[in-house]
Amino acid sequence: MTELQYLKKTLQKKALIPRYYEEDISYLSITGYDRIAFPMKCFCDIHLNKLAPHMEFYGYYGIGITKIWGMFQGIQPIQYINRDSYLAKDFFTIFFEAIHSDEENEL
């Protein structure tokens, strides 16, 4: 965290609240949709002896949790998508159907 206020807010609310981050989805080739915002919360798996360079780049505030805790809470690691993968094709199908479902509901 780059701002102390973010850490304070997290502690006061007792919640790890995600922020929306805009991602490029032009590779899905859905007409009229090149970007989408996903709710995200960043976690990293860093040994304490390698923490200094990470903090210099990302900020000096954070909360330490164990990997086991995160796994039991259902935290999903980041996934990078190969535009030619089955996952990218699944995303296309889901987004396309969701977009057209909304259009049908507006009629």
PDB file of N, CA and C in Angstrom:
ATOM      1  N   MET A   1       0.843  -1.180   0.000  1.00  0.00           N
ATOM      2  CA  MET A   1       0.000   0.000   0.000  1.00  0.00           C
ATOM      3  C   MET A   1       0.885   1.238   0.000  1.00  0.00           C
ATOM      4  N   THR A   2       0.548   2.153  -0.842  1.00  0.00           N
ATOM      5  CA  THR A   2       1.351   3.369  -0.922  1.00  0.00           C
ATOM      6  C   THR A   2       0.864   4.448   0.030  1.00  0.00           C
ATOM      7  N   GLU A   3      -0.329   4.310   0.535  1.00  0.00           N
ATOM      8  CA  GLU A   3      -0.898   5.334   1.408  1.00  0.00           C
ATOM      9  C   GLU A   3      -1.287   4.722   2.752  1.00  0.00           C
ATOM     10  N   LEU A   4      -0.888   5.387   3.830  1.00  0.00           N
ATOM     11  CA  LEU A   4      -1.242   4.928   5.166  1.00  0.00           C
ATOM     12  C   LEU A   4      -2.758   4.891   5.345  1.00  0.00           C
ATOM     13  N   GLN A   5      -3.466   5.807   4.690  1.00  0.00           N
ATOM     14  CA  GLN A   5      -4.931   5.851   4.824  1.00  0.00           C
ATOM     15  C   GLN A   5      -5.571   4.547   4.351  1.00  0.00           C
ATOM     16  N   TYR A   6      -4.994   3.884   3.333  1.00  0.00           N
ATOM     17  CA  TYR A   6      -5.549   2.614   2.856  1.00  0.00           C
ATOM     18  C   TYR A   6      -5.425   1.538   3.928  1.00  0.00           C
ATOM     19  N   LEU A   7      -4.276   1.508   4.593  1.00  0.00           N
ATOM     20  CA  LEU A   7      -4.074   0.535   5.669  1.00  0.00           C
ATOM     21  C   LEU A   7      -5.040   0.806   6.815  1.00  0.00           C
ATOM     22  N   LYS A   8      -5.175   2.066   7.202  1.00  0.00           N
ATOM     23  CA  LYS A   8      -6.093   2.416   8.291  1.00  0.00           C
ATOM     24  C   LYS A   8      -7.531   2.029   7.947  1.00  0.00           C
ATOM     25  N   LYS A   9      -7.941   2.298   6.713  1.00  0.00           N
ATOM     26  CA  LYS A   9      -9.302   1.972   6.281  1.00  0.00           C
ATOM     27  C   LYS A   9      -9.529   0.459   6.335  1.00  0.00           C
ATOM     28  N   THR A  10      -8.542  -0.302   5.895  1.00  0.00           N
ATOM     29  CA  THR A  10      -8.645  -1.760   5.931  1.00  0.00           C
ATOM     30  C   THR A  10      -8.802  -2.258   7.355  1.00  0.00           C
ATOM     31  N   LEU A  11      -8.017  -1.710   8.268  1.00  0.00           N
ATOM     32  CA  LEU A  11      -8.084  -2.134   9.667  1.00  0.00           C
ATOM     33  C   LEU A  11      -9.397  -1.707  10.321  1.00  0.00           C
ATOM     34  N   GLN A  12      -9.848  -0.491  10.030  1.00  0.00           N
ATOM     35  CA  GLN A  12     -11.106  -0.009  10.613  1.00  0.00           C
ATOM     36  C   GLN A  12     -12.300  -0.836  10.146  1.00  0.00           C
ATOM     37  N   LYS A  13     -12.316  -1.178   8.872  1.00  0.00           N
ATOM     38  CA  LYS A  13     -13.449  -1.926   8.310  1.00  0.00           C
ATOM     39  C   LYS A  13     -13.312  -3.434   8.517  1.00  0.00           C
ATOM     40  N   LYS A  14     -12.116  -3.843   8.932  1.00  0.00           N
ATOM     41  CA  LYS A  14     -11.829  -5.276   9.115  1.00  0.00           C
ATOM     42  C   LYS A  14     -12.190  -6.055   7.851  1.00  0.00           C
ATOM     43  N   ALA A  15     -11.797  -5.488   6.718  1.00  0.00           N
ATOM     44  CA  ALA A  15     -12.129  -6.109   5.434  1.00  0.00           C
ATOM     45  C   ALA A  15     -11.065  -5.768   4.400  1.00  0.00           C
ATOM     46  N   LEU A  16     -10.757  -6.730   3.555  1.00  0.00           N
ATOM     47  CA  LEU A  16      -9.855  -6.504   2.433  1.00  0.00           C
ATOM     48  C   LEU A  16     -10.725  -6.169   1.225  1.00  0.00           C
ATOM     49  N   ILE A  17     -10.995  -4.893   1.048  1.00  0.00           N
ATOM     50  CA  ILE A  17     -11.938  -4.429   0.029  1.00  0.00           C
ATOM     51  C   ILE A  17     -11.205  -4.224  -1.297  1.00  0.00           C
ATOM     52  N   PRO A  18     -11.683  -4.856  -2.363  1.00  0.00           N
ATOM     53  CA  PRO A  18     -11.009  -4.694  -3.651  1.00  0.00           C
ATOM     54  C   PRO A  18     -11.279  -3.331  -4.273  1.00  0.00           C
ATOM     55  N   ARG A  19     -10.395  -2.956  -5.166  1.00  0.00           N
ATOM     56  CA  ARG A  19     -10.602  -1.779  -6.008  1.00  0.00           C
ATOM     57  C   ARG A  19     -10.740  -2.283  -7.437  1.00  0.00           C
ATOM     58  N   TYR A  20     -11.434  -1.516  -8.247  1.00  0.00           N
ATOM     59  CA  TYR A  20     -11.605  -1.919  -9.641  1.00  0.00           C
ATOM     60  C   TYR A  20     -10.383  -1.508 -10.448  1.00  0.00           C
ATOM     61  N   TYR A  21      -9.931  -2.418 -11.296  1.00  0.00           N
ATOM     62  CA  TYR A  21      -8.786  -2.172 -12.160  1.00  0.00           C
ATOM     63  C   TYR A  21      -9.194  -2.496 -13.592  1.00  0.00           C
ATOM     64  N   GLU A  22      -8.946  -1.540 -14.470  1.00  0.00           N
ATOM     65  CA  GLU A  22      -9.347  -1.694 -15.865  1.00  0.00           C
ATOM     66  C   GLU A  22      -8.338  -2.560 -16.619  1.00  0.00           C
ATOM     67  N   GLU A  23      -8.854  -3.535 -17.346  1.00  0.00           N
ATOM     68  CA  GLU A  23      -8.018  -4.448 -18.125  1.00  0.00           C
ATOM     69  C   GLU A  23      -8.383  -4.365 -19.603  1.00  0.00           C
ATOM     70  N   ASP A  24      -7.389  -4.560 -20.441  1.00  0.00           N
ATOM     71  CA  ASP A  24      -7.581  -4.589 -21.887  1.00  0.00           C
ATOM     72  C   ASP A  24      -8.154  -5.955 -22.276  1.00  0.00           C
ATOM     73  N   ILE A  25      -9.310  -5.962 -22.915  1.00  0.00           N
ATOM     74  CA  ILE A  25      -9.895  -7.223 -23.394  1.00  0.00           C
ATOM     75  C   ILE A  25     -10.090  -7.191 -24.912  1.00  0.00           C
ATOM     76  N   SER A  26      -9.319  -6.333 -25.585  1.00  0.00           N
ATOM     77  CA  SER A  26      -9.468  -6.232 -27.040  1.00  0.00           C
ATOM     78  C   SER A  26      -9.165  -7.563 -27.728  1.00  0.00           C
ATOM     79  N   TYR A  27      -8.328  -8.395 -27.114  1.00  0.00           N
ATOM     80  CA  TYR A  27      -7.988  -9.693 -27.694  1.00  0.00           C
ATOM     81  C   TYR A  27      -9.206 -10.625 -27.786  1.00  0.00           C
ATOM     82  N   LEU A  28     -10.280 -10.311 -27.060  1.00  0.00           N
ATOM     83  CA  LEU A  28     -11.490 -11.134 -27.138  1.00  0.00           C
ATOM     84  C   LEU A  28     -12.326 -10.808 -28.376  1.00  0.00           C
ATOM     85  N   SER A  29     -12.023  -9.672 -29.017  1.00  0.00           N
ATOM     86  CA  SER A  29     -12.705  -9.250 -30.257  1.00  0.00           C
ATOM     87  C   SER A  29     -14.217  -9.155 -30.100  1.00  0.00           C
ATOM     88  N   ILE A  30     -14.668  -8.530 -29.018  1.00  0.00           N
ATOM     89  CA  ILE A  30     -16.092  -8.278 -28.815  1.00  0.00           C
ATOM     90  C   ILE A  30     -16.352  -6.846 -29.268  1.00  0.00           C
ATOM     91  N   THR A  31     -17.117  -6.679 -30.319  1.00  0.00           N
ATOM     92  CA  THR A  31     -17.354  -5.369 -30.911  1.00  0.00           C
ATOM     93  C   THR A  31     -17.841  -4.364 -29.870  1.00  0.00           C
ATOM     94  N   GLY A  32     -17.145  -3.231 -29.800  1.00  0.00           N
ATOM     95  CA  GLY A  32     -17.540  -2.152 -28.902  1.00  0.00           C
ATOM     96  C   GLY A  32     -16.998  -2.268 -27.484  1.00  0.00           C
ATOM     97  N   TYR A  33     -16.263  -3.331 -27.200  1.00  0.00           N
ATOM     98  CA  TYR A  33     -15.741  -3.533 -25.841  1.00  0.00           C
ATOM     99  C   TYR A  33     -14.254  -3.866 -25.898  1.00  0.00           C
ATOM    100  N   ASP A  34     -13.430  -2.882 -25.549  1.00  0.00           N
ATOM    101  CA  ASP A  34     -11.984  -3.095 -25.522  1.00  0.00           C
ATOM    102  C   ASP A  34     -11.430  -3.178 -24.105  1.00  0.00           C
ATOM    103  N   ARG A  35     -12.209  -2.695 -23.122  1.00  0.00           N
ATOM    104  CA  ARG A  35     -11.731  -2.673 -21.742  1.00  0.00           C
ATOM    105  C   ARG A  35     -12.863  -3.087 -20.805  1.00  0.00           C
ATOM    106  N   ILE A  36     -12.477  -3.647 -19.662  1.00  0.00           N
ATOM    107  CA  ILE A  36     -13.443  -4.024 -18.634  1.00  0.00           C
ATOM    108  C   ILE A  36     -12.765  -3.830 -17.276  1.00  0.00           C
ATOM    109  N   ALA A  37     -13.539  -3.457 -16.285  1.00  0.00           N
ATOM    110  CA  ALA A  37     -12.987  -3.245 -14.943  1.00  0.00           C
ATOM    111  C   ALA A  37     -13.301  -4.457 -14.068  1.00  0.00           C
ATOM    112  N   PHE A  38     -12.255  -5.006 -13.465  1.00  0.00           N
ATOM    113  CA  PHE A  38     -12.381  -6.150 -12.566  1.00  0.00           C
ATOM    114  C   PHE A  38     -12.089  -5.700 -11.139  1.00  0.00           C
ATOM    115  N   PRO A  39     -12.823  -6.228 -10.158  1.00  0.00           N
ATOM    116  CA  PRO A  39     -12.451  -5.949  -8.768  1.00  0.00           C
ATOM    117  C   PRO A  39     -11.209  -6.764  -8.419  1.00  0.00           C
ATOM    118  N   MET A  40     -10.201  -6.094  -7.856  1.00  0.00           N
ATOM    119  CA  MET A  40      -8.945  -6.777  -7.535  1.00  0.00           C
ATOM    120  C   MET A  40      -8.422  -6.358  -6.173  1.00  0.00           C
ATOM    121  N   LYS A  41      -7.734  -7.263  -5.559  1.00  0.00           N
ATOM    122  CA  LYS A  41      -6.977  -6.998  -4.336  1.00  0.00           C
ATOM    123  C   LYS A  41      -5.652  -7.708  -4.524  1.00  0.00           C
ATOM    124  N   CYS A  42      -4.562  -7.003  -4.337  1.00  0.00           N
ATOM    125  CA  CYS A  42      -3.242  -7.567  -4.599  1.00  0.00           C
ATOM    126  C   CYS A  42      -2.662  -8.246  -3.366  1.00  0.00           C
ATOM    127  N   PHE A  43      -2.110  -9.420  -3.601  1.00  0.00           N
ATOM    128  CA  PHE A  43      -1.384 -10.163  -2.587  1.00  0.00           C
ATOM    129  C   PHE A  43      -0.058 -10.568  -3.202  1.00  0.00           C
ATOM    130  N   CYS A  44       0.933 -10.763  -2.386  1.00  0.00           N
ATOM    131  CA  CYS A  44       2.201 -11.243  -2.907  1.00  0.00           C
ATOM    132  C   CYS A  44       2.797 -12.251  -1.928  1.00  0.00           C
ATOM    133  N   ASP A  45       3.547 -13.159  -2.471  1.00  0.00           N
ATOM    134  CA  ASP A  45       4.182 -14.220  -1.700  1.00  0.00           C
ATOM    135  C   ASP A  45       5.678 -13.906  -1.658  1.00  0.00           C
ATOM    136  N   ILE A  46       6.078 -13.118  -0.670  1.00  0.00           N
ATOM    137  CA  ILE A  46       7.454 -12.637  -0.595  1.00  0.00           C
ATOM    138  C   ILE A  46       8.065 -13.028   0.744  1.00  0.00           C
ATOM    139  N   HIS A  47       9.258 -13.584   0.682  1.00  0.00           N
ATOM    140  CA  HIS A  47       9.983 -13.884   1.916  1.00  0.00           C
ATOM    141  C   HIS A  47      10.422 -12.570   2.557  1.00  0.00           C
ATOM    142  N   LEU A  48      10.453 -12.540   3.883  1.00  0.00           N
ATOM    143  CA  LEU A  48      10.793 -11.310   4.604  1.00  0.00           C
ATOM    144  C   LEU A  48      12.143 -10.741   4.187  1.00  0.00           C
ATOM    145  N   ASN A  49      13.110 -11.602   3.851  1.00  0.00           N
ATOM    146  CA  ASN A  49      14.433 -11.098   3.471  1.00  0.00           C
ATOM    147  C   ASN A  49      14.439 -10.437   2.092  1.00  0.00           C
ATOM    148  N   LYS A  50      13.348 -10.542   1.335  1.00  0.00           N
ATOM    149  CA  LYS A  50      13.259  -9.894   0.013  1.00  0.00           C
ATOM    150  C   LYS A  50      12.222  -8.787   0.004  1.00  0.00           C
ATOM    151  N   LEU A  51      11.791  -8.377   1.170  1.00  0.00           N
ATOM    152  CA  LEU A  51      10.706  -7.406   1.279  1.00  0.00           C
ATOM    153  C   LEU A  51      11.130  -5.975   0.928  1.00  0.00           C
ATOM    154  N   ALA A  52      12.363  -5.588   1.241  1.00  0.00           N
ATOM    155  CA  ALA A  52      12.804  -4.196   1.047  1.00  0.00           C
ATOM    156  C   ALA A  52      12.637  -3.704  -0.393  1.00  0.00           C
ATOM    157  N   PRO A  53      13.143  -4.415  -1.417  1.00  0.00           N
ATOM    158  CA  PRO A  53      12.969  -3.910  -2.786  1.00  0.00           C
ATOM    159  C   PRO A  53      11.495  -3.831  -3.195  1.00  0.00           C
ATOM    160  N   HIS A  54      10.704  -4.771  -2.711  1.00  0.00           N
ATOM    161  CA  HIS A  54       9.272  -4.768  -3.026  1.00  0.00           C
ATOM    162  C   HIS A  54       8.605  -3.524  -2.437  1.00  0.00           C
ATOM    163  N   MET A  55       8.929  -3.212  -1.189  1.00  0.00           N
ATOM    164  CA  MET A  55       8.319  -2.056  -0.524  1.00  0.00           C
ATOM    165  C   MET A  55       8.745  -0.751  -1.178  1.00  0.00           C
ATOM    166  N   GLU A  56       9.974  -0.676  -1.641  1.00  0.00           N
ATOM    167  CA  GLU A  56      10.430   0.553  -2.304  1.00  0.00           C
ATOM    168  C   GLU A  56       9.594   0.835  -3.550  1.00  0.00           C
ATOM    169  N   PHE A  57       9.167  -0.205  -4.239  1.00  0.00           N
ATOM    170  CA  PHE A  57       8.401  -0.028  -5.472  1.00  0.00           C
ATOM    171  C   PHE A  57       6.903   0.112  -5.204  1.00  0.00           C
ATOM    172  N   TYR A  58       6.347  -0.730  -4.325  1.00  0.00           N
ATOM    173  CA  TYR A  58       4.894  -0.788  -4.131  1.00  0.00           C
ATOM    174  C   TYR A  58       4.372  -0.024  -2.924  1.00  0.00           C
ATOM    175  N   GLY A  59       5.227   0.317  -1.987  1.00  0.00           N
ATOM    176  CA  GLY A  59       4.769   1.040  -0.809  1.00  0.00           C
ATOM    177  C   GLY A  59       5.173   0.343   0.478  1.00  0.00           C
ATOM    178  N   TYR A  60       5.160   1.102   1.558  1.00  0.00           N
ATOM    179  CA  TYR A  60       5.687   0.618   2.834  1.00  0.00           C
ATOM    180  C   TYR A  60       4.610   0.154   3.806  1.00  0.00           C
ATOM    181  N   TYR A  61       3.375   0.062   3.363  1.00  0.00           N
ATOM    182  CA  TYR A  61       2.289  -0.344   4.248  1.00  0.00           C
ATOM    183  C   TYR A  61       1.691  -1.652   3.750  1.00  0.00           C
ATOM    184  N   GLY A  62       1.384  -2.528   4.680  1.00  0.00           N
ATOM    185  CA  GLY A  62       0.791  -3.797   4.289  1.00  0.00           C
ATOM    186  C   GLY A  62       0.370  -4.607   5.495  1.00  0.00           C
ATOM    187  N   ILE A  63      -0.259  -5.704   5.222  1.00  0.00           N
ATOM    188  CA  ILE A  63      -0.722  -6.625   6.252  1.00  0.00           C
ATOM    189  C   ILE A  63      -0.156  -7.992   5.911  1.00  0.00           C
ATOM    190  N   GLY A  64       0.470  -8.624   6.888  1.00  0.00           N
ATOM    191  CA  GLY A  64       1.030  -9.958   6.670  1.00  0.00           C
ATOM    192  C   GLY A  64       0.012 -11.040   6.981  1.00  0.00           C
ATOM    193  N   ILE A  65      -0.151 -11.950   6.053  1.00  0.00           N
ATOM    194  CA  ILE A  65      -1.025 -13.108   6.257  1.00  0.00           C
ATOM    195  C   ILE A  65      -0.283 -14.332   5.734  1.00  0.00           C
ATOM    196  N   THR A  66      -0.708 -15.496   6.152  1.00  0.00           N
ATOM    197  CA  THR A  66      -0.061 -16.707   5.658  1.00  0.00           C
ATOM    198  C   THR A  66      -0.733 -17.180   4.375  1.00  0.00           C
ATOM    199  N   LYS A  67       0.023 -17.899   3.582  1.00  0.00           N
ATOM    200  CA  LYS A  67      -0.517 -18.451   2.345  1.00  0.00           C
ATOM    201  C   LYS A  67      -1.662 -19.424   2.654  1.00  0.00           C
ATOM    202  N   ILE A  68      -1.506 -20.202   3.714  1.00  0.00           N
ATOM    203  CA  ILE A  68      -2.552 -21.151   4.114  1.00  0.00           C
ATOM    204  C   ILE A  68      -3.858 -20.412   4.425  1.00  0.00           C
ATOM    205  N   TRP A  69      -3.766 -19.290   5.152  1.00  0.00           N
ATOM    206  CA  TRP A  69      -4.963 -18.501   5.467  1.00  0.00           C
ATOM    207  C   TRP A  69      -5.649 -18.071   4.172  1.00  0.00           C
ATOM    208  N   GLY A  70      -4.859 -17.548   3.237  1.00  0.00           N
ATOM    209  CA  GLY A  70      -5.422 -17.099   1.963  1.00  0.00           C
ATOM    210  C   GLY A  70      -6.097 -18.223   1.199  1.00  0.00           C
ATOM    211  N   MET A  71      -5.489 -19.397   1.219  1.00  0.00           N
ATOM    212  CA  MET A  71      -6.081 -20.537   0.518  1.00  0.00           C
ATOM    213  C   MET A  71      -7.424 -20.912   1.143  1.00  0.00           C
ATOM    214  N   PHE A  72      -7.491 -20.921   2.470  1.00  0.00           N
ATOM    215  CA  PHE A  72      -8.749 -21.261   3.141  1.00  0.00           C
ATOM    216  C   PHE A  72      -9.817 -20.183   2.955  1.00  0.00           C
ATOM    217  N   GLN A  73      -9.405 -18.957   2.642  1.00  0.00           N
ATOM    218  CA  GLN A  73     -10.362 -17.878   2.393  1.00  0.00           C
ATOM    219  C   GLN A  73     -10.806 -17.834   0.934  1.00  0.00           C
ATOM    220  N   GLY A  74     -10.254 -18.710   0.110  1.00  0.00           N
ATOM    221  CA  GLY A  74     -10.651 -18.766  -1.297  1.00  0.00           C
ATOM    222  C   GLY A  74      -9.997 -17.709  -2.163  1.00  0.00           C
ATOM    223  N   ILE A  75      -8.860 -17.177  -1.721  1.00  0.00           N
ATOM    224  CA  ILE A  75      -8.160 -16.168  -2.525  1.00  0.00           C
ATOM    225  C   ILE A  75      -7.627 -16.828  -3.792  1.00  0.00           C
ATOM    226  N   GLN A  76      -7.901 -16.205  -4.924  1.00  0.00           N
ATOM    227  CA  GLN A  76      -7.498 -16.732  -6.221  1.00  0.00           C
ATOM    228  C   GLN A  76      -6.228 -16.034  -6.699  1.00  0.00           C
ATOM    229  N   PRO A  77      -5.179 -16.802  -6.996  1.00  0.00           N
ATOM    230  CA  PRO A  77      -3.972 -16.171  -7.550  1.00  0.00           C
ATOM    231  C   PRO A  77      -4.271 -15.544  -8.908  1.00  0.00           C
ATOM    232  N   ILE A  78      -3.446 -14.603  -9.285  1.00  0.00           N
ATOM    233  CA  ILE A  78      -3.617 -13.949 -10.581  1.00  0.00           C
ATOM    234  C   ILE A  78      -3.449 -14.968 -11.703  1.00  0.00           C
ATOM    235  N   GLN A  79      -4.195 -14.787 -12.759  1.00  0.00           N
ATOM    236  CA  GLN A  79      -4.066 -15.633 -13.932  1.00  0.00           C
ATOM    237  C   GLN A  79      -3.769 -14.749 -15.127  1.00  0.00           C
ATOM    238  N   TYR A  80      -2.697 -15.073 -15.831  1.00  0.00           N
ATOM    239  CA  TYR A  80      -2.404 -14.388 -17.079  1.00  0.00           C
ATOM    240  C   TYR A  80      -3.033 -15.217 -18.192  1.00  0.00           C
ATOM    241  N   ILE A  81      -3.652 -14.547 -19.141  1.00  0.00           N
ATOM    242  CA  ILE A  81      -4.409 -15.265 -20.162  1.00  0.00           C
ATOM    243  C   ILE A  81      -3.691 -15.216 -21.506  1.00  0.00           C
ATOM    244  N   ASN A  82      -3.477 -16.379 -22.057  1.00  0.00           N
ATOM    245  CA  ASN A  82      -2.978 -16.506 -23.415  1.00  0.00           C
ATOM    246  C   ASN A  82      -4.177 -16.287 -24.334  1.00  0.00           C
ATOM    247  N   ARG A  83      -4.085 -15.331 -25.230  1.00  0.00           N
ATOM    248  CA  ARG A  83      -5.237 -14.977 -26.071  1.00  0.00           C
ATOM    249  C   ARG A  83      -5.735 -16.140 -26.926  1.00  0.00           C
ATOM    250  N   ASP A  84      -4.911 -17.167 -27.115  1.00  0.00           N
ATOM    251  CA  ASP A  84      -5.319 -18.322 -27.913  1.00  0.00           C
ATOM    252  C   ASP A  84      -5.744 -19.513 -27.053  1.00  0.00           C
ATOM    253  N   SER A  85      -5.897 -19.303 -25.764  1.00  0.00           N
ATOM    254  CA  SER A  85      -6.211 -20.402 -24.841  1.00  0.00           C
ATOM    255  C   SER A  85      -7.710 -20.680 -24.765  1.00  0.00           C
ATOM    256  N   TYR A  86      -8.027 -21.835 -24.192  1.00  0.00           N
ATOM    257  CA  TYR A  86      -9.434 -22.172 -23.946  1.00  0.00           C
ATOM    258  C   TYR A  86     -10.048 -21.196 -22.946  1.00  0.00           C
ATOM    259  N   LEU A  87      -9.251 -20.732 -21.972  1.00  0.00           N
ATOM    260  CA  LEU A  87      -9.752 -19.774 -20.989  1.00  0.00           C
ATOM    261  C   LEU A  87     -10.190 -18.479 -21.677  1.00  0.00           C
ATOM    262  N   ALA A  88      -9.400 -17.989 -22.640  1.00  0.00           N
ATOM    263  CA  ALA A  88      -9.778 -16.776 -23.379  1.00  0.00           C
ATOM    264  C   ALA A  88     -11.075 -17.009 -24.156  1.00  0.00           C
ATOM    265  N   LYS A  89     -11.226 -18.187 -24.723  1.00  0.00           N
ATOM    266  CA  LYS A  89     -12.462 -18.506 -25.455  1.00  0.00           C
ATOM    267  C   LYS A  89     -13.651 -18.559 -24.497  1.00  0.00           C
ATOM    268  N   ASP A  90     -13.426 -19.111 -23.305  1.00  0.00           N
ATOM    269  CA  ASP A  90     -14.496 -19.134 -22.294  1.00  0.00           C
ATOM    270  C   ASP A  90     -14.888 -17.720 -21.880  1.00  0.00           C
ATOM    271  N   PHE A  91     -13.889 -16.849 -21.692  1.00  0.00           N
ATOM    272  CA  PHE A  91     -14.174 -15.455 -21.337  1.00  0.00           C
ATOM    273  C   PHE A  91     -14.987 -14.780 -22.440  1.00  0.00           C
ATOM    274  N   PHE A  92     -14.591 -15.011 -23.702  1.00  0.00           N
ATOM    275  CA  PHE A  92     -15.344 -14.424 -24.812  1.00  0.00           C
ATOM    276  C   PHE A  92     -16.809 -14.843 -24.730  1.00  0.00           C
ATOM    277  N   THR A  93     -17.046 -16.128 -24.560  1.00  0.00           N
ATOM    278  CA  THR A  93     -18.418 -16.647 -24.503  1.00  0.00           C
ATOM    279  C   THR A  93     -19.201 -16.017 -23.359  1.00  0.00           C
ATOM    280  N   ILE A  94     -18.601 -15.973 -22.185  1.00  0.00           N
ATOM    281  CA  ILE A  94     -19.283 -15.426 -21.001  1.00  0.00           C
ATOM    282  C   ILE A  94     -19.588 -13.943 -21.179  1.00  0.00           C
ATOM    283  N   PHE A  95     -18.583 -13.161 -21.603  1.00  0.00           N
ATOM    284  CA  PHE A  95     -18.793 -11.720 -21.780  1.00  0.00           C
ATOM    285  C   PHE A  95     -19.808 -11.451 -22.886  1.00  0.00           C
ATOM    286  N   PHE A  96     -19.684 -12.158 -24.003  1.00  0.00           N
ATOM    287  CA  PHE A  96     -20.592 -11.965 -25.131  1.00  0.00           C
ATOM    288  C   PHE A  96     -22.034 -12.246 -24.709  1.00  0.00           C
ATOM    289  N   GLU A  97     -22.240 -13.367 -24.015  1.00  0.00           N
ATOM    290  CA  GLU A  97     -23.594 -13.712 -23.572  1.00  0.00           C
ATOM    291  C   GLU A  97     -24.122 -12.707 -22.550  1.00  0.00           C
ATOM    292  N   ALA A  98     -23.270 -12.243 -21.649  1.00  0.00           N
ATOM    293  CA  ALA A  98     -23.702 -11.259 -20.647  1.00  0.00           C
ATOM    294  C   ALA A  98     -24.093  -9.942 -21.313  1.00  0.00           C
ATOM    295  N   ILE A  99     -23.313  -9.501 -22.275  1.00  0.00           N
ATOM    296  CA  ILE A  99     -23.601  -8.245 -22.980  1.00  0.00           C
ATOM    297  C   ILE A  99     -24.925  -8.353 -23.728  1.00  0.00           C
ATOM    298  N   HIS A 100     -25.110  -9.445 -24.444  1.00  0.00           N
ATOM    299  CA  HIS A 100     -26.331  -9.604 -25.232  1.00  0.00           C
ATOM    300  C   HIS A 100     -27.537  -9.906 -24.354  1.00  0.00           C
ATOM    301  N   SER A 101     -27.329 -10.509 -23.215  1.00  0.00           N
ATOM    302  CA  SER A 101     -28.417 -10.736 -22.262  1.00  0.00           C
ATOM    303  C   SER A 101     -28.934  -9.397 -21.753  1.00  0.00           C
ATOM    304  N   ASP A 102     -28.019  -8.467 -21.443  1.00  0.00           N
ATOM    305  CA  ASP A 102     -28.420  -7.129 -20.997  1.00  0.00           C
ATOM    306  C   ASP A 102     -29.192  -6.398 -22.088  1.00  0.00           C
ATOM    307  N   GLU A 103     -28.753  -6.545 -23.344  1.00  0.00           N
ATOM    308  CA  GLU A 103     -29.437  -5.880 -24.453  1.00  0.00           C
ATOM    309  C   GLU A 103     -30.855  -6.418 -24.608  1.00  0.00           C
ATOM    310  N   GLU A 104     -31.032  -7.733 -24.444  1.00  0.00           N
ATOM    311  CA  GLU A 104     -32.360  -8.332 -24.563  1.00  0.00           C
ATOM    312  C   GLU A 104     -33.265  -7.864 -23.429  1.00  0.00           C
ATOM    313  N   ASN A 105     -32.709  -7.698 -22.234  1.00  0.00           N
ATOM    314  CA  ASN A 105     -33.500  -7.256 -21.083  1.00  0.00           C
ATOM    315  C   ASN A 105     -33.946  -5.804 -21.221  1.00  0.00           C
ATOM    316  N   GLU A 106     -33.214  -5.011 -22.016  1.00  0.00           N
ATOM    317  CA  GLU A 106     -33.568  -3.604 -22.203  1.00  0.00           C
ATOM    318  C   GLU A 106     -34.725  -3.440 -23.183  1.00  0.00           C
ATOM    319  N   LEU A 107     -34.985  -4.458 -24.002  1.00  0.00           N
ATOM    320  CA  LEU A 107     -36.043  -4.349 -25.017  1.00  0.00           C
ATOM    321  C   LEU A 107     -37.418  -4.412 -24.414  1.00  0.00           C
TER     322      LEU A 107
END
